[in-house]
Amino acid sequence: MNQYLQQIQSIALPNKYTKYYVAIIKKAQLRPQNRKELVANIGYVENHHILPKCFALGGVRDKLNMVFLTAKEHFIVHLCATRMFQNIKCSQMTFAFRQLRSANAHQSYRYMNSGLYAQLKPCFKQYVRLYKGENRKHIYIGDHDIINALLAEGWSKTMTVEYKVGRVGMMLGKKHSEETRLKISAAQIGVPRPKQRGIKHSLERIAKYKAAVLKVKVERPDEYAARCTKLSEILKAAYANGSIEKQMGMKNPCYGKHLSEAHKLKIRIGIQESHAIKQADTQKYEAYIRIRKSVTKKDVAKSRTKSTCKDL
């Protein structure tokens, strides 16, 4: 018998589902383990880890731990795996089975009836996540003594900053290779995207966005100032390399269009409200006016004329 199949049989419960699991894997191993040959003979197949890699017991990259199953066999062995274990391993297998139902570019959504869902749902979260620095542990929810002991040692049920930075910032300071970029670009071809052009956000959504920005400005002024500085540098660079001028004249999306009176009124009211807010700080407002006056209408007209001539 395959060493990984023996290993999973030794740690699994001695019930009928373990027998089904072993029988299906043994039957699949009798077939030639070549995807192209299997597809030609029996049709679509999927790769399966005999000893689940989430158990962290080895064999993740070992070919002996891999077997090709039909879609039906793969569905059944994952369903059996949810009944073969207890505690944390049961939760891991339940999560794996739930993920098996999801649709992607290679397979359609797999149906799960209400009875099967009702049996599996209580197993979705049978463990507690504990964090300490950059480390994380999954503890079965019934092991109260272990959980309390770890909490006493400084572990926390809430995600620590160190762990979050370690996971979220994995690509921080790194760049994808040109080959990886081409793969990502090719994978996105044909993927439908929500069309935002012409869609107006609700007043509730706009209010939430403004509240979020205001919260950052009040609670984290240094971060807000850094964002504003970065945006200013991006705009200066855009003016310097001429990318903004390229959108002037006939290349401007609004070229030749006329705004309605109602729209003009909205713009006018918005500018007035913006000025009213800026006038609260007299020094900053005076500096703003001086900068605006330094850019005359003649300068703007010249830049537009140059841009139009380049277009022609």
C-alpha atoms as a PDB file:
ATOM      1  CA  MET A   1       0.000   0.000   0.000  1.00  0.00           C
ATOM      2  CA  ASN A   2       1.106   3.566  -0.688  1.00  0.00           C
ATOM      3  CA  GLN A   3       2.970   5.055   2.308  1.00  0.00           C
ATOM      4  CA  TYR A   4       0.778   8.180   2.390  1.00  0.00           C
ATOM      5  CA  LEU A   5      -2.384   6.101   2.163  1.00  0.00           C
ATOM      6  CA  GLN A   6      -1.126   4.022   5.117  1.00  0.00           C
ATOM      7  CA  GLN A   7      -0.372   7.212   7.045  1.00  0.00           C
ATOM      8  CA  ILE A   8      -3.819   8.715   6.561  1.00  0.00           C
ATOM      9  CA  GLN A   9      -5.435   5.371   7.417  1.00  0.00           C
ATOM     10  CA  SER A  10      -3.477   5.274  10.697  1.00  0.00           C
ATOM     11  CA  ILE A  11      -4.640   8.739  11.841  1.00  0.00           C
ATOM     12  CA  ALA A  12      -8.232   8.494  10.562  1.00  0.00           C
ATOM     13  CA  LEU A  13     -11.200   7.075  12.452  1.00  0.00           C
ATOM     14  CA  PRO A  14     -11.835   3.338  11.799  1.00  0.00           C
ATOM     15  CA  ASN A  15     -15.217   3.854  10.159  1.00  0.00           C
ATOM     16  CA  LYS A  16     -16.840   3.098   6.803  1.00  0.00           C
ATOM     17  CA  TYR A  17     -15.874   6.487   5.333  1.00  0.00           C
ATOM     18  CA  THR A  18     -12.173   5.687   5.792  1.00  0.00           C
ATOM     19  CA  LYS A  19     -12.758   2.384   3.976  1.00  0.00           C
ATOM     20  CA  TYR A  20     -14.494   4.212   1.099  1.00  0.00           C
ATOM     21  CA  TYR A  21     -11.654   6.735   0.912  1.00  0.00           C
ATOM     22  CA  VAL A  22      -8.966   4.033   0.764  1.00  0.00           C
ATOM     23  CA  ALA A  23     -10.911   1.957  -1.786  1.00  0.00           C
ATOM     24  CA  ILE A  24     -11.369   4.889  -4.196  1.00  0.00           C
ATOM     25  CA  ILE A  25      -7.705   5.909  -3.948  1.00  0.00           C
ATOM     26  CA  LYS A  26      -6.515   2.322  -4.532  1.00  0.00           C
ATOM     27  CA  LYS A  27      -8.769   2.005  -7.584  1.00  0.00           C
ATOM     28  CA  ALA A  28      -7.458   5.312  -8.989  1.00  0.00           C
ATOM     29  CA  GLN A  29      -3.827   4.226  -8.457  1.00  0.00           C
ATOM     30  CA  LEU A  30      -4.359   1.232 -10.721  1.00  0.00           C
ATOM     31  CA  ARG A  31      -4.888   3.629 -13.633  1.00  0.00           C
ATOM     32  CA  PRO A  32      -1.859   5.161 -15.431  1.00  0.00           C
ATOM     33  CA  GLN A  33      -0.953   8.394 -13.618  1.00  0.00           C
ATOM     34  CA  ASN A  34      -0.628  10.490 -16.746  1.00  0.00           C
ATOM     35  CA  ARG A  35      -3.124  13.341 -17.138  1.00  0.00           C
ATOM     36  CA  LYS A  36      -3.116  13.445 -20.941  1.00  0.00           C
ATOM     37  CA  GLU A  37      -3.595   9.691 -21.235  1.00  0.00           C
ATOM     38  CA  LEU A  38      -6.381   9.707 -18.644  1.00  0.00           C
ATOM     39  CA  VAL A  39      -8.185  12.605 -20.323  1.00  0.00           C
ATOM     40  CA  ALA A  40      -8.052  10.753 -23.634  1.00  0.00           C
ATOM     41  CA  ASN A  41      -9.447   7.554 -22.080  1.00  0.00           C
ATOM     42  CA  ILE A  42     -11.874   8.545 -19.308  1.00  0.00           C
ATOM     43  CA  GLY A  43     -12.242  12.313 -19.724  1.00  0.00           C
ATOM     44  CA  TYR A  44     -11.749  15.165 -17.257  1.00  0.00           C
ATOM     45  CA  VAL A  45      -9.633  14.381 -14.148  1.00  0.00           C
ATOM     46  CA  GLU A  46      -8.448  16.344 -11.109  1.00  0.00           C
ATOM     47  CA  ASN A  47      -5.287  16.085  -9.003  1.00  0.00           C
ATOM     48  CA  HIS A  48      -5.744  15.068  -5.361  1.00  0.00           C
ATOM     49  CA  HIS A  49      -3.387  14.961  -2.359  1.00  0.00           C
ATOM     50  CA  ILE A  50      -3.799  11.561  -0.658  1.00  0.00           C
ATOM     51  CA  LEU A  51      -2.433  12.956   2.613  1.00  0.00           C
ATOM     52  CA  PRO A  52      -3.892  16.496   2.826  1.00  0.00           C
ATOM     53  CA  LYS A  53      -1.222  19.189   2.693  1.00  0.00           C
ATOM     54  CA  CYS A  54      -3.079  21.253   5.348  1.00  0.00           C
ATOM     55  CA  PHE A  55      -2.186  18.554   7.907  1.00  0.00           C
ATOM     56  CA  ALA A  56       1.480  19.590   7.504  1.00  0.00           C
ATOM     57  CA  LEU A  57       2.652  15.962   7.780  1.00  0.00           C
ATOM     58  CA  GLY A  58       4.800  15.996   4.644  1.00  0.00           C
ATOM     59  CA  GLY A  59       4.428  14.787   1.071  1.00  0.00           C
ATOM     60  CA  VAL A  60       3.204  18.093  -0.351  1.00  0.00           C
ATOM     61  CA  ARG A  61       5.543  17.925  -3.363  1.00  0.00           C
ATOM     62  CA  ASP A  62       5.964  14.137  -3.484  1.00  0.00           C
ATOM     63  CA  LYS A  63       4.442  12.556  -6.604  1.00  0.00           C
ATOM     64  CA  LEU A  64       3.589   9.453  -4.547  1.00  0.00           C
ATOM     65  CA  ASN A  65       1.149  11.641  -2.610  1.00  0.00           C
ATOM     66  CA  MET A  66      -0.663  12.647  -5.806  1.00  0.00           C
ATOM     67  CA  VAL A  67      -3.401  10.773  -7.603  1.00  0.00           C
ATOM     68  CA  PHE A  68      -5.697  11.695 -10.490  1.00  0.00           C
ATOM     69  CA  LEU A  69      -9.420  11.312  -9.786  1.00  0.00           C
ATOM     70  CA  THR A  70     -12.540  11.910 -11.811  1.00  0.00           C
ATOM     71  CA  ALA A  71     -14.689  14.860 -10.724  1.00  0.00           C
ATOM     72  CA  LYS A  72     -17.189  12.495  -9.062  1.00  0.00           C
ATOM     73  CA  GLU A  73     -14.452  10.547  -7.238  1.00  0.00           C
ATOM     74  CA  HIS A  74     -12.835  13.776  -6.071  1.00  0.00           C
ATOM     75  CA  PHE A  75     -16.131  15.042  -4.686  1.00  0.00           C
ATOM     76  CA  ILE A  76     -16.799  11.756  -2.866  1.00  0.00           C
ATOM     77  CA  VAL A  77     -13.325  11.409  -1.269  1.00  0.00           C
ATOM     78  CA  HIS A  78     -13.497  14.975   0.058  1.00  0.00           C
ATOM     79  CA  LEU A  79     -16.959  14.271   1.456  1.00  0.00           C
ATOM     80  CA  CYS A  80     -15.631  11.096   3.128  1.00  0.00           C
ATOM     81  CA  ALA A  81     -12.700  13.063   4.541  1.00  0.00           C
ATOM     82  CA  THR A  82     -15.127  15.281   6.477  1.00  0.00           C
ATOM     83  CA  ARG A  83     -16.331  12.154   8.356  1.00  0.00           C
ATOM     84  CA  MET A  84     -12.915  10.520   8.889  1.00  0.00           C
ATOM     85  CA  PHE A  85     -11.455  12.894  11.483  1.00  0.00           C
ATOM     86  CA  GLN A  86     -12.254  14.832  14.630  1.00  0.00           C
ATOM     87  CA  ASN A  87     -11.427  18.234  16.064  1.00  0.00           C
ATOM     88  CA  ILE A  88      -9.202  20.507  13.967  1.00  0.00           C
ATOM     89  CA  LYS A  89      -8.644  17.986  11.155  1.00  0.00           C
ATOM     90  CA  CYS A  90     -12.419  17.663  10.715  1.00  0.00           C
ATOM     91  CA  SER A  91     -12.689  21.466  10.382  1.00  0.00           C
ATOM     92  CA  GLN A  92      -9.854  21.553   7.847  1.00  0.00           C
ATOM     93  CA  MET A  93     -11.444  18.844   5.719  1.00  0.00           C
ATOM     94  CA  THR A  94     -14.839  20.555   5.936  1.00  0.00           C
ATOM     95  CA  PHE A  95     -13.294  23.800   4.696  1.00  0.00           C
ATOM     96  CA  ALA A  96     -11.552  21.931   1.853  1.00  0.00           C
ATOM     97  CA  PHE A  97     -14.855  20.335   0.840  1.00  0.00           C
ATOM     98  CA  ARG A  98     -16.626  23.694   0.901  1.00  0.00           C
ATOM     99  CA  GLN A  99     -13.899  25.170  -1.353  1.00  0.00           C
ATOM    100  CA  LEU A 100     -14.349  22.242  -3.730  1.00  0.00           C
ATOM    101  CA  ARG A 101     -17.872  23.531  -4.457  1.00  0.00           C
ATOM    102  CA  SER A 102     -16.700  26.926  -5.716  1.00  0.00           C
ATOM    103  CA  ALA A 103     -16.665  27.707  -9.432  1.00  0.00           C
ATOM    104  CA  ASN A 104     -13.647  28.864 -11.416  1.00  0.00           C
ATOM    105  CA  ALA A 105     -12.399  29.033 -14.996  1.00  0.00           C
ATOM    106  CA  HIS A 106     -11.884  25.247 -15.147  1.00  0.00           C
ATOM    107  CA  GLN A 107     -15.044  23.946 -13.477  1.00  0.00           C
ATOM    108  CA  SER A 108     -18.633  24.989 -12.921  1.00  0.00           C
ATOM    109  CA  TYR A 109     -20.369  25.283  -9.555  1.00  0.00           C
ATOM    110  CA  ARG A 110     -21.015  21.923  -7.860  1.00  0.00           C
ATOM    111  CA  TYR A 111     -24.425  21.499  -6.327  1.00  0.00           C
ATOM    112  CA  MET A 112     -24.832  20.769  -2.607  1.00  0.00           C
ATOM    113  CA  ASN A 113     -28.298  19.954  -1.309  1.00  0.00           C
ATOM    114  CA  SER A 114     -29.745  21.364   1.910  1.00  0.00           C
ATOM    115  CA  GLY A 115     -29.350  18.117   3.876  1.00  0.00           C
ATOM    116  CA  LEU A 116     -25.644  17.828   3.139  1.00  0.00           C
ATOM    117  CA  TYR A 117     -25.110  21.514   3.924  1.00  0.00           C
ATOM    118  CA  ALA A 118     -26.931  21.139   7.270  1.00  0.00           C
ATOM    119  CA  GLN A 119     -24.606  18.268   8.238  1.00  0.00           C
ATOM    120  CA  LEU A 120     -21.420  20.123   7.328  1.00  0.00           C
ATOM    121  CA  LYS A 121     -22.261  23.627   8.536  1.00  0.00           C
ATOM    122  CA  PRO A 122     -21.620  22.942  12.282  1.00  0.00           C
ATOM    123  CA  CYS A 123     -18.079  21.758  11.396  1.00  0.00           C
ATOM    124  CA  PHE A 124     -17.104  24.937   9.534  1.00  0.00           C
ATOM    125  CA  LYS A 125     -15.733  26.641  12.667  1.00  0.00           C
ATOM    126  CA  GLN A 126     -14.799  24.084  15.295  1.00  0.00           C
ATOM    127  CA  TYR A 127     -11.487  25.705  16.130  1.00  0.00           C
ATOM    128  CA  VAL A 128     -10.108  28.932  17.563  1.00  0.00           C
ATOM    129  CA  ARG A 129      -7.333  30.981  15.988  1.00  0.00           C
ATOM    130  CA  LEU A 130      -4.728  32.284  18.438  1.00  0.00           C
ATOM    131  CA  TYR A 131      -2.032  34.805  17.528  1.00  0.00           C
ATOM    132  CA  LYS A 132       1.279  35.761  19.100  1.00  0.00           C
ATOM    133  CA  GLY A 133       3.579  38.040  17.147  1.00  0.00           C
ATOM    134  CA  GLU A 134       4.007  36.518  13.676  1.00  0.00           C
ATOM    135  CA  ASN A 135       2.747  33.078  14.750  1.00  0.00           C
ATOM    136  CA  ARG A 136      -0.739  31.574  14.530  1.00  0.00           C
ATOM    137  CA  LYS A 137      -2.259  28.402  15.997  1.00  0.00           C
ATOM    138  CA  HIS A 138      -5.530  26.564  15.354  1.00  0.00           C
ATOM    139  CA  ILE A 139      -6.882  24.959  18.530  1.00  0.00           C
ATOM    140  CA  TYR A 140     -10.014  22.814  18.707  1.00  0.00           C
ATOM    141  CA  ILE A 141     -12.785  24.806  20.360  1.00  0.00           C
ATOM    142  CA  GLY A 142     -13.363  22.058  22.939  1.00  0.00           C
ATOM    143  CA  ASP A 143      -9.772  22.121  24.277  1.00  0.00           C
ATOM    144  CA  HIS A 144     -10.488  24.774  26.911  1.00  0.00           C
ATOM    145  CA  ASP A 145      -7.432  23.951  29.040  1.00  0.00           C
ATOM    146  CA  ILE A 146      -5.029  24.389  26.104  1.00  0.00           C
ATOM    147  CA  ILE A 147      -6.714  27.621  25.007  1.00  0.00           C
ATOM    148  CA  ASN A 148      -6.623  29.105  28.512  1.00  0.00           C
ATOM    149  CA  ALA A 149      -2.967  28.091  28.958  1.00  0.00           C
ATOM    150  CA  LEU A 150      -1.987  29.770  25.680  1.00  0.00           C
ATOM    151  CA  LEU A 151      -3.959  32.905  26.545  1.00  0.00           C
ATOM    152  CA  ALA A 152      -2.073  33.038  29.859  1.00  0.00           C
ATOM    153  CA  GLU A 153       1.216  32.824  27.917  1.00  0.00           C
ATOM    154  CA  GLY A 154       0.337  35.937  25.928  1.00  0.00           C
ATOM    155  CA  TRP A 155      -1.484  34.494  22.921  1.00  0.00           C
ATOM    156  CA  SER A 156      -4.449  36.519  21.652  1.00  0.00           C
ATOM    157  CA  LYS A 157      -7.698  35.721  19.855  1.00  0.00           C
ATOM    158  CA  THR A 158      -7.375  38.957  17.860  1.00  0.00           C
ATOM    159  CA  MET A 159      -4.898  39.206  15.004  1.00  0.00           C
ATOM    160  CA  THR A 160      -1.659  40.900  16.060  1.00  0.00           C
ATOM    161  CA  VAL A 161      -0.076  43.725  14.099  1.00  0.00           C
ATOM    162  CA  GLU A 162       3.079  41.640  13.477  1.00  0.00           C
ATOM    163  CA  TYR A 163       1.059  38.776  11.991  1.00  0.00           C
ATOM    164  CA  LYS A 164      -0.982  41.138   9.812  1.00  0.00           C
ATOM    165  CA  VAL A 165       2.128  42.898   8.497  1.00  0.00           C
ATOM    166  CA  GLY A 166       3.807  39.550   7.829  1.00  0.00           C
ATOM    167  CA  ARG A 167       0.858  38.371   5.727  1.00  0.00           C
ATOM    168  CA  VAL A 168      -0.335  41.599   4.084  1.00  0.00           C
ATOM    169  CA  GLY A 169       3.139  42.936   3.381  1.00  0.00           C
ATOM    170  CA  MET A 170       4.596  39.814   1.749  1.00  0.00           C
ATOM    171  CA  MET A 171       5.105  41.695  -1.549  1.00  0.00           C
ATOM    172  CA  LEU A 172       6.091  44.976   0.103  1.00  0.00           C
ATOM    173  CA  GLY A 173       9.174  46.318  -1.663  1.00  0.00           C
ATOM    174  CA  LYS A 174       9.167  43.478  -4.210  1.00  0.00           C
ATOM    175  CA  LYS A 175       8.286  43.496  -7.898  1.00  0.00           C
ATOM    176  CA  HIS A 176       6.851  40.806 -10.137  1.00  0.00           C
ATOM    177  CA  SER A 177       9.068  39.599 -12.961  1.00  0.00           C
ATOM    178  CA  GLU A 178       8.083  40.382 -16.538  1.00  0.00           C
ATOM    179  CA  GLU A 179       7.140  36.717 -17.046  1.00  0.00           C
ATOM    180  CA  THR A 180       4.809  36.801 -14.005  1.00  0.00           C
ATOM    181  CA  ARG A 181       3.222  40.041 -15.223  1.00  0.00           C
ATOM    182  CA  LEU A 182       2.495  38.490 -18.616  1.00  0.00           C
ATOM    183  CA  LYS A 183       0.904  35.449 -16.907  1.00  0.00           C
ATOM    184  CA  ILE A 184      -1.281  37.697 -14.723  1.00  0.00           C
ATOM    185  CA  SER A 185      -2.279  39.745 -17.753  1.00  0.00           C
ATOM    186  CA  ALA A 186      -3.162  36.620 -19.772  1.00  0.00           C
ATOM    187  CA  ALA A 187      -5.227  35.237 -16.897  1.00  0.00           C
ATOM    188  CA  GLN A 188      -7.322  38.423 -16.801  1.00  0.00           C
ATOM    189  CA  ILE A 189      -8.277  38.287 -20.486  1.00  0.00           C
ATOM    190  CA  GLY A 190     -11.989  37.665 -20.862  1.00  0.00           C
ATOM    191  CA  VAL A 191     -12.735  38.050 -17.156  1.00  0.00           C
ATOM    192  CA  PRO A 192     -15.862  40.259 -16.791  1.00  0.00           C
ATOM    193  CA  ARG A 193     -15.364  43.418 -14.749  1.00  0.00           C
ATOM    194  CA  PRO A 194     -17.987  45.684 -13.220  1.00  0.00           C
ATOM    195  CA  LYS A 195     -18.516  48.783 -15.327  1.00  0.00           C
ATOM    196  CA  GLN A 196     -18.187  51.890 -13.169  1.00  0.00           C
ATOM    197  CA  ARG A 197     -18.276  54.489 -15.944  1.00  0.00           C
ATOM    198  CA  GLY A 198     -21.596  56.302 -15.872  1.00  0.00           C
ATOM    199  CA  ILE A 199     -22.648  54.700 -12.564  1.00  0.00           C
ATOM    200  CA  LYS A 200     -23.319  57.143  -9.755  1.00  0.00           C
ATOM    201  CA  HIS A 201     -22.581  56.214  -6.167  1.00  0.00           C
ATOM    202  CA  SER A 202     -25.387  56.515  -3.668  1.00  0.00           C
ATOM    203  CA  LEU A 203     -25.383  59.381  -1.176  1.00  0.00           C
ATOM    204  CA  GLU A 204     -24.902  56.843   1.626  1.00  0.00           C
ATOM    205  CA  ARG A 205     -21.760  55.447  -0.033  1.00  0.00           C
ATOM    206  CA  ILE A 206     -20.368  58.936  -0.640  1.00  0.00           C
ATOM    207  CA  ALA A 207     -21.024  59.862   3.008  1.00  0.00           C
ATOM    208  CA  LYS A 208     -19.212  56.703   4.181  1.00  0.00           C
ATOM    209  CA  TYR A 209     -16.216  57.514   1.991  1.00  0.00           C
ATOM    210  CA  LYS A 210     -16.026  61.090   3.279  1.00  0.00           C
ATOM    211  CA  ALA A 211     -16.312  59.862   6.870  1.00  0.00           C
ATOM    212  CA  ALA A 212     -13.478  57.378   6.297  1.00  0.00           C
ATOM    213  CA  VAL A 213     -11.222  60.083   4.852  1.00  0.00           C
ATOM    214  CA  LEU A 214     -12.076  62.447   7.705  1.00  0.00           C
ATOM    215  CA  LYS A 215     -11.314  59.692  10.234  1.00  0.00           C
ATOM    216  CA  VAL A 216      -7.840  59.193   8.747  1.00  0.00           C
ATOM    217  CA  LYS A 217      -7.268  62.958   8.705  1.00  0.00           C
ATOM    218  CA  VAL A 218      -8.203  63.333  12.380  1.00  0.00           C
ATOM    219  CA  GLU A 219      -6.819  60.113  13.889  1.00  0.00           C
ATOM    220  CA  ARG A 220      -3.720  59.660  11.681  1.00  0.00           C
ATOM    221  CA  PRO A 221      -2.675  63.125  10.484  1.00  0.00           C
ATOM    222  CA  ASP A 222       0.860  61.988   9.577  1.00  0.00           C
ATOM    223  CA  GLU A 223      -0.483  59.267   7.286  1.00  0.00           C
ATOM    224  CA  TYR A 224      -2.964  61.703   5.727  1.00  0.00           C
ATOM    225  CA  ALA A 225      -0.199  64.264   5.114  1.00  0.00           C
ATOM    226  CA  ALA A 226       1.987  61.570   3.541  1.00  0.00           C
ATOM    227  CA  ARG A 227      -0.839  60.589   1.181  1.00  0.00           C
ATOM    228  CA  CYS A 228      -1.393  64.200   0.138  1.00  0.00           C
ATOM    229  CA  THR A 229       2.326  64.679  -0.458  1.00  0.00           C
ATOM    230  CA  LYS A 230       2.497  61.517  -2.558  1.00  0.00           C
ATOM    231  CA  LEU A 231      -0.508  62.610  -4.647  1.00  0.00           C
ATOM    232  CA  SER A 232       1.073  66.031  -5.155  1.00  0.00           C
ATOM    233  CA  GLU A 233       4.315  64.414  -6.365  1.00  0.00           C
ATOM    234  CA  ILE A 234       2.382  62.202  -8.794  1.00  0.00           C
ATOM    235  CA  LEU A 235       0.594  65.242 -10.257  1.00  0.00           C
ATOM    236  CA  LYS A 236       3.866  67.200 -10.552  1.00  0.00           C
ATOM    237  CA  ALA A 237       5.472  64.263 -12.365  1.00  0.00           C
ATOM    238  CA  ALA A 238       2.435  64.017 -14.668  1.00  0.00           C
ATOM    239  CA  TYR A 239       2.725  67.703 -15.573  1.00  0.00           C
ATOM    240  CA  ALA A 240       6.487  67.344 -16.038  1.00  0.00           C
ATOM    241  CA  ASN A 241       6.326  64.404 -18.473  1.00  0.00           C
ATOM    242  CA  GLY A 242       3.402  65.936 -20.357  1.00  0.00           C
ATOM    243  CA  SER A 243       0.906  63.125 -19.698  1.00  0.00           C
ATOM    244  CA  ILE A 244      -1.734  65.634 -18.511  1.00  0.00           C
ATOM    245  CA  GLU A 245      -1.191  67.909 -21.526  1.00  0.00           C
ATOM    246  CA  LYS A 246      -1.847  64.903 -23.761  1.00  0.00           C
ATOM    247  CA  GLN A 247      -5.422  64.893 -22.490  1.00  0.00           C
ATOM    248  CA  MET A 248      -6.019  68.514 -23.462  1.00  0.00           C
ATOM    249  CA  GLY A 249      -7.556  69.779 -26.660  1.00  0.00           C
ATOM    250  CA  MET A 250      -9.113  67.230 -29.001  1.00  0.00           C
ATOM    251  CA  LYS A 251      -7.862  64.323 -26.866  1.00  0.00           C
ATOM    252  CA  ASN A 252      -9.881  65.482 -23.895  1.00  0.00           C
ATOM    253  CA  PRO A 253     -12.867  63.133 -23.373  1.00  0.00           C
ATOM    254  CA  CYS A 254     -15.096  66.201 -22.845  1.00  0.00           C
ATOM    255  CA  TYR A 255     -13.843  68.042 -25.952  1.00  0.00           C
ATOM    256  CA  GLY A 256     -16.754  69.476 -27.946  1.00  0.00           C
ATOM    257  CA  LYS A 257     -19.308  68.673 -25.235  1.00  0.00           C
ATOM    258  CA  HIS A 258     -21.402  71.309 -23.462  1.00  0.00           C
ATOM    259  CA  LEU A 259     -22.422  71.060 -19.837  1.00  0.00           C
ATOM    260  CA  SER A 260     -26.022  71.608 -18.893  1.00  0.00           C
ATOM    261  CA  GLU A 261     -26.965  74.587 -16.744  1.00  0.00           C
ATOM    262  CA  ALA A 262     -27.859  72.263 -13.869  1.00  0.00           C
ATOM    263  CA  HIS A 263     -24.403  70.656 -14.037  1.00  0.00           C
ATOM    264  CA  LYS A 264     -22.707  74.053 -14.166  1.00  0.00           C
ATOM    265  CA  LEU A 265     -24.690  75.073 -11.092  1.00  0.00           C
ATOM    266  CA  LYS A 266     -23.501  71.958  -9.224  1.00  0.00           C
ATOM    267  CA  ILE A 267     -19.872  72.759 -10.096  1.00  0.00           C
ATOM    268  CA  ARG A 268     -20.317  76.374  -8.999  1.00  0.00           C
ATOM    269  CA  ILE A 269     -21.865  75.321  -5.666  1.00  0.00           C
ATOM    270  CA  GLY A 270     -19.079  72.785  -5.116  1.00  0.00           C
ATOM    271  CA  ILE A 271     -16.384  75.411  -5.686  1.00  0.00           C
ATOM    272  CA  GLN A 272     -18.138  77.828  -3.333  1.00  0.00           C
ATOM    273  CA  GLU A 273     -18.377  75.176  -0.611  1.00  0.00           C
ATOM    274  CA  SER A 274     -14.711  74.314  -1.095  1.00  0.00           C
ATOM    275  CA  HIS A 275     -13.719  77.978  -0.773  1.00  0.00           C
ATOM    276  CA  ALA A 276     -15.864  78.347   2.341  1.00  0.00           C
ATOM    277  CA  ILE A 277     -14.004  75.445   3.972  1.00  0.00           C
ATOM    278  CA  LYS A 278     -10.598  76.829   2.975  1.00  0.00           C
ATOM    279  CA  GLN A 279     -11.450  80.302   4.267  1.00  0.00           C
ATOM    280  CA  ALA A 280     -11.599  78.893   7.805  1.00  0.00           C
ATOM    281  CA  ASP A 281      -7.773  78.987   7.819  1.00  0.00           C
ATOM    282  CA  THR A 282      -6.877  82.528   6.704  1.00  0.00           C
ATOM    283  CA  GLN A 283      -3.162  81.941   6.106  1.00  0.00           C
ATOM    284  CA  LYS A 284      -3.632  78.812   4.028  1.00  0.00           C
ATOM    285  CA  TYR A 285      -6.409  80.458   2.033  1.00  0.00           C
ATOM    286  CA  GLU A 286      -4.250  83.503   1.215  1.00  0.00           C
ATOM    287  CA  ALA A 287      -1.426  81.204   0.118  1.00  0.00           C
ATOM    288  CA  TYR A 288      -3.884  79.267  -2.053  1.00  0.00           C
ATOM    289  CA  ILE A 289      -5.098  82.466  -3.726  1.00  0.00           C
ATOM    290  CA  ARG A 290      -1.516  83.612  -4.407  1.00  0.00           C
ATOM    291  CA  ILE A 291      -0.716  80.290  -6.105  1.00  0.00           C
ATOM    292  CA  ARG A 292      -3.887  80.461  -8.185  1.00  0.00           C
ATOM    293  CA  LYS A 293      -3.124  84.020  -9.298  1.00  0.00           C
ATOM    294  CA  SER A 294       0.420  83.045 -10.287  1.00  0.00           C
ATOM    295  CA  VAL A 295      -1.038  80.728 -12.956  1.00  0.00           C
ATOM    296  CA  THR A 296      -2.634  83.199 -15.361  1.00  0.00           C
ATOM    297  CA  LYS A 297      -5.216  82.452 -18.019  1.00  0.00           C
ATOM    298  CA  LYS A 298      -2.594  83.217 -20.672  1.00  0.00           C
ATOM    299  CA  ASP A 299      -0.404  80.365 -19.403  1.00  0.00           C
ATOM    300  CA  VAL A 300      -3.334  77.955 -19.558  1.00  0.00           C
ATOM    301  CA  ALA A 301      -4.263  79.154 -23.056  1.00  0.00           C
ATOM    302  CA  LYS A 302      -0.672  78.704 -24.257  1.00  0.00           C
ATOM    303  CA  SER A 303      -0.479  75.159 -22.926  1.00  0.00           C
ATOM    304  CA  ARG A 304      -3.792  74.277 -24.599  1.00  0.00           C
ATOM    305  CA  THR A 305      -2.656  75.826 -27.902  1.00  0.00           C
ATOM    306  CA  LYS A 306       0.592  73.831 -27.858  1.00  0.00           C
ATOM    307  CA  SER A 307      -1.307  70.650 -27.075  1.00  0.00           C
ATOM    308  CA  THR A 308      -3.805  71.242 -29.913  1.00  0.00           C
ATOM    309  CA  CYS A 309      -0.981  71.941 -32.376  1.00  0.00           C
ATOM    310  CA  LYS A 310       0.746  68.719 -31.381  1.00  0.00           C
ATOM    311  CA  ASP A 311      -2.494  66.800 -31.928  1.00  0.00           C
ATOM    312  CA  LEU A 312      -2.855  68.258 -35.398  1.00  0.00           C
END
